[in-house]
């Protein structure tokens, strides 16, 4: 007796109907799949007798194959068999959980059962293409739904009116012819490849000199060529190989520096080689130029190992450090289990001068000067770095670094036992008086992006205001050094242009359409940009705005560009004197 001949005495408690087999005229819903599962399970048990209880894996495999055959009958590409089994197993577990709960408390869980039954009416969708609108589908060709089957799949996902008919003879004939053409093309391609290989071997043998007389010469030339290929980092693969053997060291370094993913870097490299091939820079006989993400990943690992081995530093003459708080992945333990979490960690990068050699970073348990000093000192001791020749230490001008009694630099001096030459970033120093003047004139900040004063409240929207006629500041002037705009960032170039405009009293329409930079309390450069932008859009500027604008044009902006283009240590005292001299116009 076949499975389909058995009669069920009990209805499904969740759906309230008898289990049944899958229909061959429609794509199955979740309800169809679950009831088919019960149908097959009961049938297998009755066939084998003796109260045989089939394994769930066995029943799932049978139902999965039936579902796949129904989709294949409709010529719709489907996901892998493993994925179908996984979907079936997951949904069946949900069904069993609800069934147990419902049998215990049928009245209290009636609403939950109704929701489950209504959602089970949806299509058990194992199609490889999950796009809602086929016109904008970006799936690979092998996953796309054929044009003729798209209306049917859309119908099965929504109204479910359509049915699977008998075999479409014209369409079947088209598919058969298409497969035959593909087979002929593959045979022709394999034959032509074999012919080229045979002719190449014949040509090589005919061109070779007498093997008895020139054995040593041939071996020597082979060794020399292999050496040359190994020395050149960007040597193209020879014509005898079919693999991409390029060493992408500089590509890996650039991808690491700018945070480019392996997949994106591989796509960029392959596109660059394709352009070079079309331009005639690369010949046709030089193997494959396709680069995958795994090659980029391997190159990054090799570069990292090479840098760790070659950039070892025995002694340090100048130590520069800077820290920032980064989002870091970590493992959190709860009992015997571990979970991944993201935490904020203070990372301090260490640079050795001269030569700008990166020799590691350290993590401090807190942002205090004592903890950060201990972390830096421990890293130097662990890597056996000789600090006897250390003369210079550099950092930015925060109080944690430059405190005369409890700063990191002072604590390093105490550990070494002698004073060091302090190199403090003057761009940070230039921001401190401007920040103090702004807070004295307009008030302190409320959050990282907003201020409490009248001027600060207008800064986030200043770029939307129209430029009007404004008063110039001819007494102020920018440094006379030749400034190359290409060496400036977008925010720095904006400061230079708008400072020139306010000094001369002539604002352009291009300046009005430029963006002054994002508002942020830690970036006083963009704050200066926005104050100048607000000034050229204000009809009757207040006394406070004029004080800030004059300070920016007389002190902040000239000093910024002087420091930017004269960044040597020997110019530090000159910049400090210029800051004092330019600020003398301010009242007590």
Protein backbone atom coordinates (compact mmCIF):
# COMPACT_ATOMS: atom_id res chain seq x y z
CA UNK A 1 0.00 0.00 0.00
CA UNK A 2 1.36 3.43 -0.91
CA UNK A 3 1.56 6.35 1.49
CA UNK A 4 -1.22 8.24 -0.32
CA UNK A 5 -3.75 5.41 0.42
CA UNK A 6 -3.65 5.88 4.20
CA UNK A 7 -6.59 7.61 5.87
CA UNK A 8 -5.97 9.91 8.80
CA UNK A 9 -8.20 9.59 11.83
CA UNK A 10 -7.07 12.80 13.53
CA UNK A 11 -6.96 16.38 12.29
CA UNK A 12 -4.00 18.69 12.84
CA UNK A 13 -4.71 20.54 16.13
CA UNK A 14 -3.27 23.81 14.85
CA UNK A 15 -4.76 24.02 11.36
CA UNK A 16 -7.88 21.96 12.10
CA UNK A 17 -7.69 19.89 8.87
CA UNK A 18 -6.33 16.48 7.84
CA UNK A 19 -2.70 16.29 6.59
CA UNK A 20 -2.33 15.98 2.81
CA UNK A 21 0.30 15.58 0.12
CA UNK A 22 1.76 18.51 -1.87
CA UNK A 23 -0.16 19.67 -4.91
CA UNK A 24 1.58 19.52 -8.28
CA UNK A 25 -0.39 22.41 -9.74
CA UNK A 26 0.67 25.12 -7.26
CA UNK A 27 3.76 26.21 -5.41
CA UNK A 28 3.46 25.17 -1.72
CA UNK A 29 2.71 27.50 1.18
CA UNK A 30 4.05 27.10 4.71
CA UNK A 31 0.82 25.35 5.65
CA UNK A 32 1.17 22.92 2.74
CA UNK A 33 4.73 22.08 3.77
CA UNK A 34 3.83 21.44 7.42
CA UNK A 35 0.83 19.27 6.58
CA UNK A 36 2.88 17.36 3.99
CA UNK A 37 5.47 16.76 6.72
CA UNK A 38 2.80 15.15 8.93
CA UNK A 39 1.45 13.25 5.91
CA UNK A 40 4.85 11.69 5.11
CA UNK A 41 5.69 11.02 8.77
CA UNK A 42 2.43 9.12 9.35
CA UNK A 43 2.69 7.25 6.06
CA UNK A 44 6.28 6.07 6.67
CA UNK A 45 5.35 4.88 10.15
CA UNK A 46 2.33 2.89 8.87
CA UNK A 47 4.29 1.33 6.01
CA UNK A 48 7.07 0.04 8.26
CA UNK A 49 4.73 -1.01 11.07
CA UNK A 50 5.52 -1.95 14.65
CA UNK A 51 4.85 1.62 15.80
CA UNK A 52 7.87 2.81 13.83
CA UNK A 53 8.66 6.49 14.46
CA UNK A 54 10.66 7.96 11.53
CA UNK A 55 13.45 10.43 12.25
CA UNK A 56 12.71 14.08 11.58
CA UNK A 57 15.80 14.33 9.33
CA UNK A 58 14.47 11.54 7.11
CA UNK A 59 11.04 13.16 6.75
CA UNK A 60 12.54 16.61 6.16
CA UNK A 61 14.68 15.29 3.29
CA UNK A 62 11.62 13.77 1.58
CA UNK A 63 9.53 16.95 1.91
CA UNK A 64 12.43 19.17 0.80
CA UNK A 65 12.87 17.16 -2.41
CA UNK A 66 9.14 17.40 -3.13
CA UNK A 67 9.18 21.19 -2.69
CA UNK A 68 12.27 21.51 -4.89
CA UNK A 69 10.69 19.41 -7.64
CA UNK A 70 7.61 21.63 -7.65
CA UNK A 71 9.73 24.77 -8.15
CA UNK A 72 11.90 23.06 -10.78
CA UNK A 73 8.75 22.05 -12.66
CA UNK A 74 8.00 25.79 -12.92
CA UNK A 75 11.59 26.49 -14.22
CA UNK A 76 12.29 28.80 -11.26
CA UNK A 77 15.90 28.84 -9.93
CA UNK A 78 15.99 27.82 -6.27
CA UNK A 79 18.39 28.06 -3.32
CA UNK A 80 20.63 25.18 -2.28
CA UNK A 81 19.25 21.95 -0.86
CA UNK A 82 20.93 22.67 2.50
CA UNK A 83 19.12 26.00 2.75
CA UNK A 84 15.75 24.36 1.96
CA UNK A 85 16.28 21.76 4.70
CA UNK A 86 17.28 24.51 7.13
CA UNK A 87 14.12 26.52 6.38
CA UNK A 88 11.95 23.45 6.83
CA UNK A 89 13.60 22.47 10.13
CA UNK A 90 13.31 25.97 11.60
CA UNK A 91 9.65 26.41 10.73
CA UNK A 92 8.75 22.91 11.91
CA UNK A 93 10.32 23.64 15.32
CA UNK A 94 8.12 26.75 15.63
CA UNK A 95 5.10 24.63 14.72
CA UNK A 96 5.91 22.00 17.35
CA UNK A 97 6.40 24.65 20.06
CA UNK A 98 3.04 26.26 19.30
CA UNK A 99 1.35 22.85 19.10
CA UNK A 100 2.53 21.83 22.59
CA UNK A 101 1.51 25.15 24.11
CA UNK A 102 -1.88 25.11 22.35
CA UNK A 103 -2.71 21.56 23.53
CA UNK A 104 -2.02 22.61 27.12
CA UNK A 105 -3.99 25.88 26.98
CA UNK A 106 -6.23 26.03 23.85
CA UNK A 107 -8.34 28.97 25.07
CA UNK A 108 -5.50 31.25 26.16
CA UNK A 109 -3.48 30.74 22.97
CA UNK A 110 -6.29 30.95 20.42
CA UNK A 111 -5.13 34.39 19.18
CA UNK A 112 -1.57 33.12 18.80
CA UNK A 113 -2.82 30.14 16.82
CA UNK A 114 -4.90 32.38 14.53
CA UNK A 115 -1.84 34.57 13.80
CA UNK A 116 0.26 31.50 13.02
CA UNK A 117 -2.40 30.03 10.69
CA UNK A 118 -2.84 33.34 8.81
CA UNK A 119 0.92 33.74 8.32
CA UNK A 120 1.20 30.10 7.16
CA UNK A 121 -0.81 30.98 4.06
CA UNK A 122 2.24 32.69 2.52
CA UNK A 123 4.38 31.05 -0.15
CA UNK A 124 7.19 28.81 1.10
CA UNK A 125 9.58 30.83 -1.04
CA UNK A 126 12.79 28.98 -1.94
CA UNK A 127 13.32 30.94 -5.16
CA UNK A 128 16.92 32.12 -5.55
CA UNK A 129 15.68 35.62 -6.53
CA UNK A 130 13.88 37.41 -3.70
CA UNK A 131 13.38 40.71 -5.60
CA UNK A 132 9.91 42.24 -5.28
CA UNK A 133 10.12 44.11 -8.60
CA UNK A 134 11.71 42.04 -11.34
CA UNK A 135 12.28 45.11 -13.54
CA UNK A 136 14.92 46.37 -11.08
CA UNK A 137 16.40 42.93 -10.27
CA UNK A 138 20.20 42.96 -9.83
CA UNK A 139 20.66 39.25 -9.09
CA UNK A 140 23.29 37.21 -11.01
CA UNK A 141 22.14 35.64 -14.26
CA UNK A 142 21.96 32.12 -12.83
CA UNK A 143 19.63 33.29 -10.02
CA UNK A 144 17.27 35.38 -12.14
CA UNK A 145 13.71 34.18 -12.71
CA UNK A 146 12.95 33.61 -16.42
CA UNK A 147 10.79 36.32 -17.97
CA UNK A 148 8.03 33.84 -18.83
CA UNK A 149 7.84 32.63 -15.20
CA UNK A 150 7.94 36.02 -13.49
CA UNK A 151 4.13 36.64 -13.60
CA UNK A 152 3.47 33.17 -12.20
CA UNK A 153 5.90 33.58 -9.29
CA UNK A 154 4.45 37.02 -8.52
CA UNK A 155 0.96 35.48 -8.53
CA UNK A 156 2.05 32.70 -6.17
CA UNK A 157 3.54 35.25 -3.77
CA UNK A 158 0.31 37.29 -3.67
CA UNK A 159 -3.14 36.13 -4.87
CA UNK A 160 -2.26 32.48 -5.73
CA UNK A 161 -4.77 32.12 -8.56
CA UNK A 162 -2.49 30.60 -11.22
CA UNK A 163 -1.86 26.89 -11.73
CA UNK A 164 1.00 24.84 -13.17
CA UNK A 165 -0.20 23.42 -16.50
CA UNK A 166 1.09 20.61 -18.67
CA UNK A 167 4.46 20.66 -20.47
CA UNK A 168 4.91 23.70 -22.74
CA UNK A 169 6.27 22.01 -25.90
CA UNK A 170 7.44 25.19 -27.74
CA UNK A 171 9.27 26.47 -24.70
CA UNK A 172 10.81 23.05 -24.02
CA UNK A 173 12.09 22.92 -27.61
CA UNK A 174 13.72 26.36 -27.17
CA UNK A 175 15.48 25.30 -23.97
CA UNK A 176 16.71 22.07 -25.59
CA UNK A 177 18.18 23.94 -28.57
CA UNK A 178 19.83 26.45 -26.26
CA UNK A 179 21.52 23.68 -24.26
CA UNK A 180 22.72 22.01 -27.46
CA UNK A 181 24.30 25.27 -28.67
CA UNK A 182 26.10 25.69 -25.33
CA UNK A 183 27.44 22.15 -25.53
CA UNK A 184 28.74 22.68 -29.07
CA UNK A 185 30.44 25.94 -28.05
CA UNK A 186 32.18 24.31 -25.08
CA UNK A 187 33.44 21.44 -27.27
CA UNK A 188 34.72 23.90 -29.89
CA UNK A 189 36.47 25.97 -27.21
CA UNK A 190 38.18 22.94 -25.65
CA UNK A 191 39.36 21.75 -29.10
CA UNK A 192 40.84 25.16 -30.01
CA UNK A 193 42.63 25.38 -26.63
CA UNK A 194 44.17 21.94 -27.13
CA UNK A 195 45.33 22.91 -30.64
CA UNK A 196 47.01 26.09 -29.33
CA UNK A 197 48.84 24.13 -26.63
CA UNK A 198 50.15 21.57 -29.12
CA UNK A 199 51.33 24.27 -31.54
CA UNK A 200 53.02 26.20 -28.72
CA UNK A 201 54.92 23.09 -27.58
CA UNK A 202 55.99 22.36 -31.14
CA UNK A 203 57.24 25.95 -31.58
CA UNK A 204 59.16 25.83 -28.28
CA UNK A 205 60.90 22.57 -29.25
CA UNK A 206 61.82 23.92 -32.69
CA UNK A 207 63.27 27.14 -31.23
CA UNK A 208 65.37 25.41 -28.56
CA UNK A 209 69.12 24.93 -29.22
CA UNK A 210 70.88 21.59 -28.99
CA UNK A 211 70.12 20.22 -25.54
CA UNK A 212 73.49 18.36 -25.30
CA UNK A 213 75.62 21.43 -25.86
CA UNK A 214 73.66 24.19 -24.04
CA UNK A 215 72.27 22.49 -20.96
CA UNK A 216 74.23 24.69 -18.55
CA UNK A 217 73.32 27.93 -20.34
CA UNK A 218 69.62 27.09 -20.35
CA UNK A 219 69.66 26.35 -16.62
CA UNK A 220 71.50 29.60 -15.85
CA UNK A 221 69.06 31.73 -17.83
CA UNK A 222 66.15 30.04 -16.10
CA UNK A 223 67.59 30.82 -12.66
CA UNK A 224 68.32 34.45 -13.55
CA UNK A 225 64.81 35.09 -14.82
CA UNK A 226 63.28 33.62 -11.69
CA UNK A 227 65.46 35.91 -9.56
CA UNK A 228 64.35 38.98 -11.46
CA UNK A 229 60.71 38.02 -11.07
CA UNK A 230 61.11 37.63 -7.33
CA UNK A 231 62.95 40.95 -6.82
CA UNK A 232 60.42 43.08 -8.66
CA UNK A 233 57.29 43.51 -6.50
CA UNK A 234 55.12 44.32 -9.50
CA UNK A 235 56.55 41.88 -12.05
CA UNK A 236 53.84 40.66 -14.40
CA UNK A 237 53.34 36.89 -14.67
CA UNK A 238 55.10 35.15 -17.52
CA UNK A 239 53.24 33.93 -20.59
CA UNK A 240 53.67 30.27 -19.55
CA UNK A 241 51.48 30.58 -16.46
CA UNK A 242 47.73 31.02 -16.20
CA UNK A 243 47.69 32.40 -12.66
CA UNK A 244 47.86 35.93 -11.33
CA UNK A 245 51.18 35.90 -9.43
CA UNK A 246 51.43 39.64 -8.83
CA UNK A 247 52.62 40.74 -5.38
CA UNK A 248 50.19 43.50 -4.43
CA UNK A 249 52.14 44.95 -1.52
CA UNK A 250 51.46 48.65 -2.19
CA UNK A 251 47.81 47.91 -2.93
CA UNK A 252 47.45 46.17 0.44
CA UNK A 253 49.09 49.12 2.22
CA UNK A 254 46.80 51.63 0.49
CA UNK A 255 43.71 49.54 1.28
CA UNK A 256 44.72 49.37 4.95
CA UNK A 257 45.43 53.10 5.12
CA UNK A 258 42.10 54.25 3.68
CA UNK A 259 39.94 51.50 5.20
CA UNK A 260 39.00 49.89 1.86
CA UNK A 261 37.51 46.41 2.14
CA UNK A 262 39.17 43.39 0.49
CA UNK A 263 36.29 42.98 -1.97
CA UNK A 264 36.36 46.66 -3.04
CA UNK A 265 40.17 46.67 -3.38
CA UNK A 266 40.08 43.52 -5.56
CA UNK A 267 37.44 45.06 -7.82
CA UNK A 268 39.48 48.28 -8.20
CA UNK A 269 42.68 46.37 -9.05
CA UNK A 270 40.93 44.20 -11.65
CA UNK A 271 39.35 47.28 -13.26
CA UNK A 272 42.73 49.06 -13.39
CA UNK A 273 44.33 46.07 -15.15
CA UNK A 274 41.47 45.95 -17.62
CA UNK A 275 41.96 49.63 -18.48
CA UNK A 276 45.71 49.07 -18.83
CA UNK A 277 45.04 46.15 -21.17
CA UNK A 278 42.72 48.23 -23.37
CA UNK A 279 45.27 51.04 -23.48
CA UNK A 280 47.93 48.64 -24.75
CA UNK A 281 50.10 48.85 -21.62
CA UNK A 282 49.64 45.12 -20.97
CA UNK A 283 49.86 42.50 -23.71
CA UNK A 284 47.31 39.78 -24.37
CA UNK A 285 49.65 36.87 -23.59
CA UNK A 286 50.23 37.90 -19.97
CA UNK A 287 47.94 35.58 -18.01
CA UNK A 288 44.92 36.55 -15.99
CA UNK A 289 44.58 39.96 -14.33
CA UNK A 290 41.54 39.15 -12.24
CA UNK A 291 42.14 39.71 -8.50
CA UNK A 292 39.82 38.31 -5.84
CA UNK A 293 39.33 39.43 -2.25
CA UNK A 294 41.29 36.45 -0.89
CA UNK A 295 44.42 37.63 -2.72
CA UNK A 296 44.08 41.09 -1.18
CA UNK A 297 43.55 39.54 2.25
CA UNK A 298 46.70 37.40 1.87
CA UNK A 299 48.67 40.46 0.71
CA UNK A 300 47.57 42.41 3.81
CA UNK A 301 48.72 39.59 6.10
CA UNK A 302 52.11 39.33 4.33
CA UNK A 303 52.61 43.10 4.55
CA UNK A 304 51.76 43.05 8.26
CA UNK A 305 54.25 40.25 8.98
CA UNK A 306 56.93 42.00 6.89
CA UNK A 307 56.45 45.31 8.69
CA UNK A 308 56.62 43.63 12.08
CA UNK A 309 59.87 41.90 11.13
CA UNK A 310 61.61 44.82 9.39
CA UNK A 311 60.38 47.79 11.42
CA UNK A 312 61.89 46.62 14.72
CA UNK A 313 63.50 49.60 16.46
CA UNK A 314 66.43 49.21 18.83
CA UNK A 315 66.79 52.83 19.97
CA UNK A 316 64.53 55.87 19.74
CA UNK A 317 65.69 59.47 19.26
CA UNK A 318 62.23 61.01 19.03
CA UNK A 319 58.98 59.58 20.43
CA UNK A 320 55.65 60.94 19.18
CA UNK A 321 52.32 59.67 20.48
CA UNK A 322 48.65 60.45 20.00
CA UNK A 323 45.48 58.76 21.24
CA UNK A 324 41.86 58.41 20.32
CA UNK A 325 38.86 56.42 21.50
CA UNK A 326 37.82 53.73 19.03
CA UNK A 327 34.97 51.21 18.88
CA UNK A 328 36.65 47.88 19.60
CA UNK A 329 35.26 44.34 19.36
CA UNK A 330 35.67 42.34 22.54
CA UNK A 331 34.39 39.13 24.17
CA UNK A 332 32.20 39.38 27.25
CA UNK A 333 31.84 36.30 29.47
CA UNK A 334 28.58 35.39 31.16
CA UNK A 335 29.12 32.22 33.13
CA UNK A 336 30.67 29.66 30.79
CA UNK A 337 29.52 31.42 27.60
CA UNK A 338 31.23 34.22 25.68
CA UNK A 339 29.46 36.93 23.68
CA UNK A 340 30.85 39.51 21.27
CA UNK A 341 30.37 43.16 22.22
CA UNK A 342 31.64 46.59 21.14
CA UNK A 343 33.32 48.85 23.69
CA UNK A 344 35.11 52.21 23.63
CA UNK A 345 38.87 51.83 24.11
CA UNK A 346 41.67 54.39 24.30
CA UNK A 347 44.28 53.51 21.64
CA UNK A 348 47.63 55.36 21.70
CA UNK A 349 49.74 55.13 18.53
CA UNK A 350 53.54 55.37 18.89
CA UNK A 351 55.80 56.84 16.17
CA UNK A 352 59.62 56.91 16.18
CA UNK A 353 61.44 59.84 14.60
CA UNK A 354 63.30 60.55 12.39
CA UNK A 355 61.80 58.47 9.61
CA UNK A 356 58.23 58.32 10.94
CA UNK A 357 58.42 54.62 11.92
CA UNK A 358 55.26 53.17 13.42
CA UNK A 359 56.22 50.69 16.11
CA UNK A 360 52.93 49.77 17.70
CA UNK A 361 50.01 51.02 19.71
CA UNK A 362 48.98 50.53 23.32
CA UNK A 363 45.64 50.38 25.12
CA UNK A 364 45.14 52.23 28.36
CA UNK A 365 42.57 51.08 30.97
CA UNK A 366 41.55 54.73 31.43
CA UNK A 367 42.31 58.17 30.02
CA UNK A 368 44.38 59.29 33.00
CA UNK A 369 47.98 60.42 32.52
CA UNK A 370 49.31 57.79 34.95
CA UNK A 371 47.67 54.84 33.12
CA UNK A 372 48.68 56.06 29.66
CA UNK A 373 52.27 56.69 30.78
CA UNK A 374 52.47 53.21 32.27
CA UNK A 375 51.09 51.65 29.05
CA UNK A 376 53.64 53.51 26.86
CA UNK A 377 56.54 52.70 29.18
CA UNK A 378 55.56 49.02 29.41
CA UNK A 379 55.44 48.78 25.59
CA UNK A 380 58.95 50.22 25.34
CA UNK A 381 60.22 47.74 27.94
CA UNK A 382 58.48 44.73 26.37
CA UNK A 383 60.00 45.50 22.95
CA UNK A 384 63.48 46.18 24.42
CA UNK A 385 63.59 49.72 23.02
CA UNK A 386 66.64 51.65 24.21
CA UNK A 387 65.59 55.09 25.51
CA UNK A 388 69.11 56.26 26.41
CA UNK A 389 69.27 58.25 23.17
CA UNK A 390 65.72 59.65 23.48
CA UNK A 391 65.93 63.44 23.12
CA UNK A 392 62.53 64.55 21.78
CA UNK A 393 58.97 63.70 22.77
CA UNK A 394 55.97 65.05 20.83
CA UNK A 395 52.20 65.16 21.35
CA UNK A 396 49.25 67.50 21.06
CA UNK A 397 48.65 70.23 23.60
CA UNK A 398 46.03 68.70 25.89
CA UNK A 399 46.59 69.03 29.64
CA UNK A 400 46.84 65.24 29.98
CA UNK A 401 49.98 65.33 27.81
CA UNK A 402 51.61 68.65 28.74
CA UNK A 403 50.75 69.10 32.43
CA UNK A 404 53.85 70.52 34.13
CA UNK A 405 53.45 68.23 37.12
CA UNK A 406 51.17 65.31 36.20
CA UNK A 407 51.30 65.20 32.36
CA UNK A 408 52.44 62.18 30.33
CA UNK A 409 55.57 63.93 29.03
CA UNK A 410 56.62 64.96 32.54
CA UNK A 411 56.06 61.43 33.89
CA UNK A 412 58.17 59.98 31.05
CA UNK A 413 60.95 62.39 32.01
CA UNK A 414 60.76 61.14 35.60
CA UNK A 415 61.08 57.52 34.46
CA UNK A 416 64.02 58.27 32.15
CA UNK A 417 65.69 60.50 34.76
CA UNK A 418 66.47 63.56 32.60
CA UNK A 419 64.60 66.37 30.79
CA UNK A 420 63.48 65.99 27.15
CA UNK A 421 62.79 68.44 24.34
CA UNK A 422 59.01 68.97 24.17
CA UNK A 423 57.46 69.21 20.69
CA UNK A 424 53.83 70.24 21.14
CA UNK A 425 51.41 70.64 18.21
CA UNK A 426 50.93 74.38 17.63
CA UNK A 427 47.72 73.87 15.62
CA UNK A 428 46.13 72.63 18.85
CA UNK A 429 47.74 75.53 20.72
CA UNK A 430 46.23 77.98 18.20
CA UNK A 431 42.72 76.72 18.99
CA UNK A 432 42.90 77.23 22.77
CA UNK A 433 42.83 81.10 22.84
CA UNK A 434 40.11 81.14 20.16
CA UNK A 435 38.04 78.68 22.19
CA UNK A 436 38.51 80.75 25.37
CA UNK A 437 37.52 83.98 23.57
CA UNK A 438 34.42 82.36 22.04
CA UNK A 439 33.24 81.00 25.39
CA UNK A 440 33.92 84.37 27.07
CA UNK A 441 32.00 86.25 24.34
CA UNK A 442 29.09 83.91 23.58
CA UNK A 443 28.95 81.29 26.33
CA UNK A 444 29.96 77.68 26.86
CA UNK A 445 28.86 74.73 24.71
CA UNK A 446 25.79 72.61 25.52
CA UNK A 447 26.78 69.43 23.64
CA UNK A 448 29.46 68.24 21.17
CA UNK A 449 27.62 69.96 18.29
CA UNK A 450 25.67 72.88 19.81
CA UNK A 451 26.36 76.06 21.75
CA UNK A 452 24.26 77.96 24.29
CA UNK A 453 24.87 81.56 23.13
CA UNK A 454 23.06 83.64 20.51
CA UNK A 455 25.91 83.33 17.98
CA UNK A 456 26.38 79.60 18.57
CA UNK A 457 22.70 78.88 17.95
CA UNK A 458 22.93 80.48 14.46
CA UNK A 459 26.11 78.66 13.37
CA UNK A 460 24.50 75.30 12.32
CA UNK A 461 22.32 77.05 9.69
CA UNK A 462 24.63 79.86 8.54
CA UNK A 463 25.40 78.33 5.10
CA UNK A 464 21.72 78.63 4.12
CA UNK A 465 21.71 82.43 4.55
CA UNK A 466 22.29 84.70 1.50
CA UNK A 467 25.50 86.73 1.21
CA UNK A 468 24.92 90.50 1.60
CA UNK A 469 27.11 93.61 1.62
CA UNK A 470 29.42 93.59 4.65
CA UNK A 471 32.15 95.69 6.23
CA UNK A 472 35.75 94.79 5.33
CA UNK A 473 38.82 94.47 7.61
CA UNK A 474 41.69 96.00 5.59
CA UNK A 475 43.99 96.18 8.64
CA UNK A 476 44.20 92.36 8.76
CA UNK A 477 46.24 90.32 6.32
CA UNK A 478 47.12 86.69 5.68
CA UNK A 479 50.77 85.49 5.64
CA UNK A 480 52.78 86.43 2.57
CA UNK A 481 54.03 82.85 1.92
CA UNK A 482 52.89 81.26 -1.32
CA UNK A 483 50.04 78.92 -0.37
CA UNK A 484 49.32 75.98 -2.66
CA UNK A 485 45.55 75.20 -2.45
CA UNK A 486 46.18 71.58 -3.46
CA UNK A 487 48.04 71.02 -0.17
CA UNK A 488 45.04 72.16 1.89
CA UNK A 489 42.06 70.14 2.99
CA UNK A 490 38.53 71.24 2.06
CA UNK A 491 37.93 73.01 5.39
CA UNK A 492 41.37 74.71 5.32
CA UNK A 493 40.84 75.93 1.75
CA UNK A 494 37.46 77.34 2.76
CA UNK A 495 39.05 79.26 5.68
CA UNK A 496 41.66 80.78 3.35
CA UNK A 497 39.09 81.85 0.74
CA UNK A 498 36.55 83.30 3.15
CA UNK A 499 39.29 85.12 5.12
CA UNK A 500 40.46 86.78 1.91
CA UNK A 501 36.85 87.72 1.06
CA UNK A 502 36.14 89.30 4.48
CA UNK A 503 39.45 91.21 4.48
CA UNK A 504 38.75 92.65 1.01
CA UNK A 505 35.00 93.11 1.56
CA UNK A 506 34.04 91.24 -1.62
CA UNK A 507 32.13 87.96 -1.37
CA UNK A 508 31.52 85.75 -4.43
CA UNK A 509 28.56 83.55 -5.30
CA UNK A 510 30.88 80.51 -5.37
CA UNK A 511 31.77 81.12 -1.74
CA UNK A 512 28.09 81.25 -0.80
CA UNK A 513 27.47 77.80 -2.30
CA UNK A 514 30.49 76.13 -0.63
CA UNK A 515 30.04 74.12 2.57
CA UNK A 516 31.93 75.52 5.60
CA UNK A 517 32.36 72.10 7.25
CA UNK A 518 30.40 70.08 9.79
CA UNK A 519 29.63 71.61 13.15
CA UNK A 520 31.69 69.99 15.92
CA UNK A 521 33.03 71.31 19.21
CA UNK A 522 36.33 69.50 18.79
CA UNK A 523 36.95 71.13 15.35
CA UNK A 524 37.35 74.86 15.93
CA UNK A 525 38.52 75.34 12.34
CA UNK A 526 34.97 74.71 11.07
CA UNK A 527 33.64 76.91 13.89
CA UNK A 528 35.82 79.77 12.58
CA UNK A 529 34.55 79.08 9.04
CA UNK A 530 30.94 79.32 10.19
CA UNK A 531 31.49 82.53 12.18
CA UNK A 532 32.91 84.23 9.06
CA UNK A 533 30.07 82.79 6.96
CA UNK A 534 27.52 84.12 9.47
CA UNK A 535 29.19 87.55 9.41
CA UNK A 536 28.90 88.01 5.61
CA UNK A 537 25.18 87.13 5.85
CA UNK A 538 24.30 89.41 8.79
CA UNK A 539 22.82 92.83 8.00
CA UNK A 540 23.69 94.46 11.34
CA UNK A 541 26.36 92.36 13.08
CA UNK A 542 26.60 92.67 16.85
CA UNK A 543 29.67 93.77 18.77
CA UNK A 544 30.39 90.16 19.82
CA UNK A 545 30.43 88.90 16.19
CA UNK A 546 32.84 91.69 15.20
CA UNK A 547 35.18 90.78 18.09
CA UNK A 548 35.28 87.12 16.99
CA UNK A 549 35.67 87.97 13.28
CA UNK A 550 38.56 90.36 13.95
CA UNK A 551 40.34 87.77 16.13
CA UNK A 552 39.96 85.11 13.42
CA UNK A 553 41.34 87.41 10.72
CA UNK A 554 44.10 88.97 12.84
CA UNK A 555 45.31 85.99 14.89
CA UNK A 556 43.71 82.60 14.26
CA UNK A 557 43.71 82.38 10.46
CA UNK A 558 47.22 83.89 9.80
CA UNK A 559 48.75 81.68 12.50
CA UNK A 560 47.04 78.58 11.12
CA UNK A 561 48.58 79.00 7.67
CA UNK A 562 51.98 80.07 9.04
CA UNK A 563 52.12 76.89 11.16
CA UNK A 564 50.76 74.78 8.29
CA UNK A 565 53.47 75.82 5.80
CA UNK A 566 56.36 76.32 8.29
CA UNK A 567 56.02 73.19 10.39
CA UNK A 568 59.66 72.65 11.38
CA UNK A 569 60.67 72.48 15.05
CA UNK A 570 62.98 75.49 14.62
CA UNK A 571 59.95 77.64 13.69
CA UNK A 572 58.04 76.80 16.88
CA UNK A 573 59.34 79.72 18.95
CA UNK A 574 58.61 82.13 16.09
CA UNK A 575 54.98 80.98 15.91
CA UNK A 576 54.61 81.31 19.68
CA UNK A 577 56.01 84.86 19.61
CA UNK A 578 53.72 85.74 16.68
CA UNK A 579 50.68 84.50 18.63
CA UNK A 580 51.58 86.76 21.60
CA UNK A 581 52.36 89.74 19.36
CA UNK A 582 49.17 89.45 17.26
CA UNK A 583 46.95 89.09 20.34
CA UNK A 584 48.15 92.31 22.02
CA UNK A 585 45.35 94.38 20.49
CA UNK A 586 42.80 92.63 22.75
CA UNK A 587 41.70 94.49 25.90
CA UNK A 588 42.77 93.27 29.32
